Amino acid sequence: MNRLAHTLIMATLASAAAAGPSGPCAYIIEGSGFFGAPGIELTQLGRVDLSNPSSVEILPGAGNDLRFGGADLRPGTGQLVGFENITNAIRILDPVNGGNTLIDSIGFMDTGVAGMSYSNDGSVAYITTTVGAFVRILTVDAGTGSMIAMNNIITDSLSSLAVVPEGHPSLVPGDLYGLALTAGGSVRLQRIDLENNTIASTRFVTGIGFNPQFETGLDFASDGTLYALIQGYDEVAPDQFVEISSHLFTLNAQSGVATDLGVVQADGTWDAVTLVIDEPSASCPADLTGDGALDFFDISAFLAAFSSNDPAADFNADGMFDFFDVSAFLGAFAAGCP
């Protein structure tokens, strides 16, 4: 029976791995209109492996001829929700079957790249875009899309937002941050004070490694790590430029130092316009190593437990160690971590 278990598991390992990354990932969306430009209206959705940005799982599209410029997971629901530029609407995205469900149009925004982030309790959404000489940030009801407040702040172009999560080791939970691109081509991490309608603090971002052109994604992981997507260009010769597609970075909010994790790429180059951290749930039966990822080491742990009649391998909880446990483990492994 051990040999049978080993054969069945190893035979399905490749196909399970092909289902995409199962550890901490981020949703990304391809293409948008920048400040009214035609842009790319692919609305392609993917999940990038945070430990290996070159690995991107292509997901069903969110819609046709739409420009999603911001998105976030709504706390308490697990819903992936995006702000769509053309209709100025909040829409629930379906990463499994594709398409989207309209919540409502909120208005008061110019077409262009927008940033979006939820409050920690999921009751409100913050949405931003650049309107003329100032940044506009709307606070809207998360359930209905009704506007609660409008803030117009004179500052550099800002198209990404992130809210500090509860339990952050050094920042104030609930504070709102954004990435801003200056006229001189530098990137700043800004703390936004909506109560006083000001930029409360600014840190210049260093260590990008190329000339930034668009700051398109920003989000905190639950452990407090701040991730960012930045695009740009390099001048390889006088008046000769090459485009730099989206790179994934971690940012130190205190120092502004960026660490380049690599280019985001899958079957070509991604120009991602949003970043939404998606972390595995604490409940993941096939994650026998407890590291938050499903891989060969979980399979090895199952085989060892099965061989020694360890209760950890009794996946159907019938007190026996047989084909049904192997089948149950394979089903849990293929399903991945939620």
Protein backbone atom coordinates (compact mmCIF):
# COMPACT_ATOMS: atom_id res chain seq x y z
CA MET A 1 0.00 0.00 0.00
CA ASN A 2 2.92 2.35 0.63
CA ARG A 3 4.08 1.85 -2.94
CA LEU A 4 0.56 2.49 -4.22
CA ALA A 5 0.33 5.69 -2.17
CA HIS A 6 3.69 6.83 -3.44
CA THR A 7 2.81 6.08 -7.06
CA LEU A 8 -0.55 7.84 -6.91
CA ILE A 9 0.85 10.93 -5.23
CA MET A 10 3.89 11.31 -7.46
CA ALA A 11 1.75 10.78 -10.56
CA THR A 12 -0.41 13.77 -9.65
CA LEU A 13 2.36 16.03 -8.36
CA ALA A 14 3.08 17.61 -11.75
CA SER A 15 -0.56 18.37 -12.51
CA ALA A 16 -1.16 19.77 -9.04
CA ALA A 17 1.90 21.98 -9.35
CA ALA A 18 0.62 23.22 -12.71
CA ALA A 19 -2.42 24.67 -10.95
CA GLY A 20 -0.28 27.60 -9.85
CA PRO A 21 1.38 28.86 -6.69
CA SER A 22 -0.25 27.90 -3.38
CA GLY A 23 1.82 30.06 -1.03
CA PRO A 24 1.45 33.83 -0.50
CA CYS A 25 0.52 35.42 -3.82
CA ALA A 26 -0.91 38.63 -5.20
CA TYR A 27 -3.66 39.32 -7.71
CA ILE A 28 -2.56 41.56 -10.56
CA ILE A 29 -4.53 43.08 -13.44
CA GLU A 30 -3.04 43.88 -16.85
CA GLY A 31 -3.59 47.13 -18.66
CA SER A 32 -5.48 50.35 -18.13
CA GLY A 33 -5.81 53.90 -19.40
CA PHE A 34 -3.31 56.30 -17.89
CA PHE A 35 -4.95 59.67 -17.24
CA GLY A 36 -7.35 59.40 -20.14
CA ALA A 37 -4.94 57.70 -22.56
CA PRO A 38 -6.39 54.85 -24.61
CA GLY A 39 -4.30 52.34 -22.65
CA ILE A 40 -4.58 48.60 -22.87
CA GLU A 41 -8.04 47.25 -22.19
CA LEU A 42 -7.16 43.57 -21.76
CA THR A 43 -8.49 43.27 -18.22
CA GLN A 44 -6.32 40.17 -17.84
CA LEU A 45 -6.19 38.79 -14.32
CA GLY A 46 -3.34 36.82 -12.80
CA ARG A 47 -1.82 35.67 -9.52
CA VAL A 48 1.89 36.27 -9.01
CA ASP A 49 3.96 34.15 -6.62
CA LEU A 50 5.46 36.60 -4.10
CA SER A 51 8.49 34.36 -3.64
CA ASN A 52 9.06 34.10 -7.40
CA PRO A 53 7.53 37.03 -9.36
CA SER A 54 8.34 35.38 -12.69
CA SER A 55 5.70 32.76 -11.85
CA VAL A 56 2.23 34.02 -12.74
CA GLU A 57 -0.93 31.95 -12.93
CA ILE A 58 -3.27 33.25 -15.64
CA LEU A 59 -6.86 33.49 -14.41
CA PRO A 60 -10.12 34.02 -16.33
CA GLY A 61 -10.56 37.60 -17.52
CA ALA A 62 -12.46 40.16 -15.45
CA GLY A 63 -14.29 41.61 -18.45
CA ASN A 64 -13.93 43.10 -21.93
CA ASP A 65 -13.13 46.73 -22.77
CA LEU A 66 -12.86 47.66 -19.10
CA ARG A 67 -10.06 49.50 -17.29
CA PHE A 68 -9.52 48.25 -13.77
CA GLY A 69 -6.96 50.46 -12.06
CA GLY A 70 -7.33 49.48 -8.41
CA ALA A 71 -8.47 46.48 -6.41
CA ASP A 72 -8.44 44.92 -2.94
CA LEU A 73 -9.78 41.93 -1.02
CA ARG A 74 -12.74 43.03 1.09
CA PRO A 75 -12.12 41.99 4.71
CA GLY A 76 -14.65 39.55 6.10
CA THR A 77 -15.87 38.43 2.68
CA GLY A 78 -12.82 37.25 0.74
CA GLN A 79 -14.23 39.04 -2.32
CA LEU A 80 -11.79 40.46 -4.85
CA VAL A 81 -13.22 43.90 -5.64
CA GLY A 82 -11.91 46.33 -8.24
CA PHE A 83 -12.51 49.93 -9.23
CA GLU A 84 -13.22 50.19 -12.96
CA ASN A 85 -12.23 53.47 -14.61
CA ILE A 86 -14.55 53.74 -17.61
CA THR A 87 -17.80 53.38 -15.66
CA ASN A 88 -16.40 54.73 -12.37
CA ALA A 89 -17.79 51.61 -10.75
CA ILE A 90 -16.92 49.15 -8.01
CA ARG A 91 -17.17 45.58 -9.26
CA ILE A 92 -16.70 42.17 -7.61
CA LEU A 93 -14.29 40.11 -9.71
CA ASP A 94 -14.60 36.35 -10.11
CA PRO A 95 -11.07 34.90 -10.40
CA VAL A 96 -12.42 31.35 -10.80
CA ASN A 97 -15.04 31.70 -13.53
CA GLY A 98 -14.17 35.15 -14.88
CA GLY A 99 -16.32 38.23 -15.27
CA ASN A 100 -17.54 40.64 -12.62
CA THR A 101 -20.61 41.74 -10.70
CA LEU A 102 -21.46 45.45 -10.48
CA ILE A 103 -21.83 46.96 -7.01
CA ASP A 104 -22.47 50.53 -8.17
CA SER A 105 -20.99 53.50 -9.98
CA ILE A 106 -19.59 56.16 -7.65
CA GLY A 107 -18.85 58.99 -10.12
CA PHE A 108 -16.74 62.05 -9.34
CA MET A 109 -13.58 60.54 -10.88
CA ASP A 110 -11.66 61.16 -14.10
CA THR A 111 -10.90 58.15 -16.29
CA GLY A 112 -7.37 56.94 -15.60
CA VAL A 113 -5.41 54.68 -13.33
CA ALA A 114 -6.93 54.58 -9.86
CA GLY A 115 -5.87 53.09 -6.55
CA MET A 116 -8.20 51.29 -4.16
CA SER A 117 -7.98 49.92 -0.63
CA TYR A 118 -10.43 48.81 2.06
CA SER A 119 -10.47 49.87 5.69
CA ASN A 120 -9.46 47.06 8.03
CA ASP A 121 -13.05 46.35 9.03
CA GLY A 122 -14.14 46.26 5.38
CA SER A 123 -16.87 48.88 5.86
CA VAL A 124 -15.47 51.53 3.52
CA ALA A 125 -13.28 51.67 0.43
CA TYR A 126 -10.80 54.40 -0.43
CA ILE A 127 -10.42 55.17 -4.13
CA THR A 128 -8.05 57.65 -5.74
CA THR A 129 -7.07 59.11 -9.07
CA THR A 130 -5.49 62.32 -10.33
CA VAL A 131 -7.87 65.08 -11.39
CA GLY A 132 -6.17 68.12 -12.91
CA ALA A 133 -3.62 69.55 -10.48
CA PHE A 134 -4.69 67.53 -7.44
CA VAL A 135 -5.28 63.99 -6.21
CA ARG A 136 -8.88 63.08 -5.48
CA ILE A 137 -9.61 60.46 -2.82
CA LEU A 138 -13.16 59.24 -2.26
CA THR A 139 -14.35 57.38 0.81
CA VAL A 140 -17.29 55.21 -0.20
CA ASP A 141 -19.61 52.72 1.46
CA ALA A 142 -18.20 49.26 0.68
CA GLY A 143 -21.60 47.64 0.29
CA THR A 144 -23.41 50.19 -1.83
CA GLY A 145 -20.73 52.36 -3.41
CA SER A 146 -22.37 55.50 -1.98
CA MET A 147 -19.92 58.35 -1.45
CA ILE A 148 -19.21 59.24 2.18
CA ALA A 149 -16.52 61.89 1.71
CA MET A 150 -14.40 63.52 -1.00
CA ASN A 151 -10.87 64.82 -0.47
CA ASN A 152 -8.93 66.87 -3.02
CA ILE A 153 -5.25 67.11 -2.09
CA ILE A 154 -2.60 69.08 -3.95
CA THR A 155 0.25 66.59 -4.33
CA ASP A 156 2.10 64.52 -6.90
CA SER A 157 0.28 62.01 -9.10
CA LEU A 158 -0.92 59.14 -6.89
CA SER A 159 -2.43 55.92 -8.23
CA SER A 160 -2.06 53.29 -5.52
CA LEU A 161 -3.35 53.00 -1.95
CA ALA A 162 -2.82 50.64 0.99
CA VAL A 163 -4.18 50.58 4.55
CA VAL A 164 -1.89 49.53 7.42
CA PRO A 165 -3.21 46.21 8.79
CA GLU A 166 -4.01 45.50 12.43
CA GLY A 167 -1.04 44.40 14.48
CA HIS A 168 1.58 46.12 12.33
CA PRO A 169 4.89 46.12 14.25
CA SER A 170 5.78 49.77 13.60
CA LEU A 171 3.02 51.65 11.74
CA VAL A 172 -0.38 52.80 12.98
CA PRO A 173 -3.14 50.36 11.95
CA GLY A 174 -5.72 51.99 9.70
CA ASP A 175 -3.37 54.68 8.37
CA LEU A 176 -3.63 55.24 4.63
CA TYR A 177 -0.50 55.15 2.43
CA GLY A 178 0.03 55.75 -1.27
CA LEU A 179 2.79 55.82 -3.86
CA ALA A 180 3.25 59.10 -5.73
CA LEU A 181 5.28 59.82 -8.85
CA THR A 182 6.95 63.24 -8.90
CA ALA A 183 7.37 65.43 -11.97
CA GLY A 184 11.10 64.73 -11.78
CA GLY A 185 10.59 60.99 -12.08
CA SER A 186 11.15 59.91 -8.48
CA VAL A 187 8.74 57.86 -6.37
CA ARG A 188 7.54 58.83 -2.91
CA LEU A 189 5.75 56.81 -0.25
CA GLN A 190 3.17 59.11 1.33
CA ARG A 191 1.04 58.85 4.45
CA ILE A 192 -2.30 60.47 3.72
CA ASP A 193 -4.27 62.34 6.38
CA LEU A 194 -7.85 62.52 5.12
CA GLU A 195 -9.11 64.20 8.30
CA ASN A 196 -6.90 67.23 7.67
CA ASN A 197 -6.80 66.84 3.88
CA THR A 198 -3.01 66.75 3.77
CA ILE A 199 0.00 64.54 3.10
CA ALA A 200 1.18 63.79 6.65
CA SER A 201 4.60 62.39 5.75
CA THR A 202 6.73 61.59 2.71
CA ARG A 203 9.60 59.16 2.13
CA PHE A 204 11.59 59.12 -1.11
CA VAL A 205 11.77 55.56 -2.44
CA THR A 206 15.33 54.46 -3.23
CA GLY A 207 16.79 51.32 -4.76
CA ILE A 208 14.40 50.97 -7.71
CA GLY A 209 17.23 50.44 -10.21
CA PHE A 210 15.58 52.06 -13.24
CA ASN A 211 13.73 55.25 -14.12
CA PRO A 212 10.21 54.90 -12.71
CA GLN A 213 7.32 55.90 -14.91
CA PHE A 214 4.25 54.43 -13.22
CA GLU A 215 3.68 53.41 -9.59
CA THR A 216 0.81 51.05 -10.06
CA GLY A 217 0.35 48.76 -7.06
CA LEU A 218 0.74 48.87 -3.28
CA ASP A 219 -0.44 46.49 -0.55
CA PHE A 220 0.46 45.23 2.91
CA ALA A 221 0.76 41.55 3.77
CA SER A 222 -0.69 40.44 7.10
CA ASP A 223 2.80 40.32 8.64
CA GLY A 224 3.27 44.02 7.83
CA THR A 225 5.47 43.62 4.75
CA LEU A 226 4.71 46.36 2.23
CA TYR A 227 4.80 45.31 -1.43
CA ALA A 228 4.77 47.56 -4.49
CA LEU A 229 4.60 47.28 -8.29
CA ILE A 230 6.59 49.86 -10.27
CA GLN A 231 7.11 50.21 -14.02
CA GLY A 232 9.54 52.42 -15.90
CA TYR A 233 12.20 52.74 -18.58
CA ASP A 234 15.96 52.87 -19.07
CA GLU A 235 17.94 55.05 -21.47
CA VAL A 236 20.27 52.52 -23.11
CA ALA A 237 21.82 55.14 -25.43
CA PRO A 238 21.25 58.84 -26.07
CA ASP A 239 17.56 59.22 -26.88
CA GLN A 240 17.12 55.43 -26.98
CA PHE A 241 14.82 54.02 -24.31
CA VAL A 242 13.62 50.55 -23.36
CA GLU A 243 10.46 49.89 -21.38
CA ILE A 244 10.80 48.19 -18.02
CA SER A 245 7.72 46.12 -17.24
CA SER A 246 6.28 45.68 -13.75
CA HIS A 247 8.80 44.81 -11.04
CA LEU A 248 7.73 43.58 -7.62
CA PHE A 249 9.35 45.30 -4.64
CA THR A 250 9.19 45.29 -0.88
CA LEU A 251 9.33 48.75 0.70
CA ASN A 252 10.64 49.83 4.07
CA ALA A 253 8.08 52.40 5.16
CA GLN A 254 10.49 54.08 7.60
CA SER A 255 13.50 54.46 5.30
CA GLY A 256 11.88 54.32 1.85
CA VAL A 257 14.36 51.65 0.72
CA ALA A 258 12.98 49.36 -2.00
CA THR A 259 14.15 45.77 -2.50
CA ASP A 260 13.63 44.43 -6.02
CA LEU A 261 12.15 40.92 -5.96
CA GLY A 262 12.17 40.61 -9.75
CA VAL A 263 10.16 41.24 -12.88
CA VAL A 264 6.54 40.09 -13.09
CA GLN A 265 6.29 37.95 -16.16
CA ALA A 266 4.23 35.10 -17.62
CA ASP A 267 4.34 34.17 -21.30
CA GLY A 268 5.49 37.70 -22.03
CA THR A 269 5.61 40.98 -20.20
CA TRP A 270 3.04 42.18 -17.71
CA ASP A 271 2.14 45.84 -17.31
CA ALA A 272 0.16 45.24 -14.14
CA VAL A 273 -1.94 48.08 -12.79
CA THR A 274 -2.89 46.79 -9.37
CA LEU A 275 -1.53 44.59 -6.59
CA VAL A 276 -3.67 42.67 -4.07
CA ILE A 277 -1.94 40.39 -1.57
CA ASP A 278 -3.65 37.00 -1.28
CA GLU A 279 -2.43 34.82 1.58
CA PRO A 280 -3.36 31.20 2.33
CA SER A 281 -5.87 30.58 5.07
CA ALA A 282 -4.60 29.14 8.31
CA SER A 283 -6.80 26.12 7.59
CA CYS A 284 -5.13 24.05 4.88
CA PRO A 285 -5.28 20.29 5.59
CA ALA A 286 -2.70 19.25 2.99
CA ASP A 287 -0.11 21.72 4.33
CA LEU A 288 1.46 19.12 6.63
CA THR A 289 4.67 21.14 7.02
CA GLY A 290 2.76 24.25 8.11
CA ASP A 291 4.80 26.59 5.90
CA GLY A 292 1.81 28.01 4.02
CA ALA A 293 2.77 26.35 0.71
CA LEU A 294 1.83 23.04 -0.89
CA ASP A 295 4.84 21.29 -2.42
CA PHE A 296 6.98 18.15 -2.46
CA PHE A 297 7.74 18.49 1.26
CA ASP A 298 4.04 18.10 2.15
CA ILE A 299 3.88 14.99 -0.02
CA SER A 300 6.98 13.59 1.66
CA ALA A 301 5.47 14.32 5.09
CA PHE A 302 2.26 12.52 4.12
CA LEU A 303 4.15 9.47 2.86
CA ALA A 304 6.17 9.30 6.08
CA ALA A 305 3.04 9.63 8.20
CA PHE A 306 1.20 7.04 6.11
CA SER A 307 4.10 4.60 6.39
CA SER A 308 4.17 4.85 10.18
CA ASN A 309 0.38 4.86 10.62
CA ASP A 310 0.58 8.36 12.02
CA PRO A 311 -2.92 9.85 12.61
CA ALA A 312 -1.85 12.85 10.51
CA ALA A 313 -2.24 10.61 7.45
CA ASP A 314 -5.73 9.43 8.39
CA PHE A 315 -7.31 12.00 6.10
CA ASN A 316 -10.82 10.57 6.18
CA ALA A 317 -10.67 10.05 9.97
CA ASP A 318 -11.92 6.45 9.88
CA GLY A 319 -9.06 5.02 11.92
CA MET A 320 -7.64 3.13 8.95
CA PHE A 321 -4.78 3.84 6.54
CA ASP A 322 -5.79 2.93 2.99
CA PHE A 323 -6.55 4.16 -0.51
CA PHE A 324 -9.27 6.49 0.77
CA ASP A 325 -6.76 8.46 2.83
CA VAL A 326 -4.50 8.79 -0.20
CA SER A 327 -7.44 9.93 -2.30
CA ALA A 328 -8.52 12.47 0.34
CA PHE A 329 -4.99 13.85 0.62
CA LEU A 330 -4.70 14.18 -3.15
CA GLY A 331 -8.02 16.04 -3.27
CA ALA A 332 -6.90 18.46 -0.56
CA PHE A 333 -3.53 18.96 -2.25
CA ALA A 334 -5.11 19.64 -5.65
CA ALA A 335 -7.59 22.09 -4.10
CA GLY A 336 -4.72 24.16 -2.71
CA CYS A 337 -4.89 26.51 0.25
CA PRO A 338 -7.81 28.98 0.28
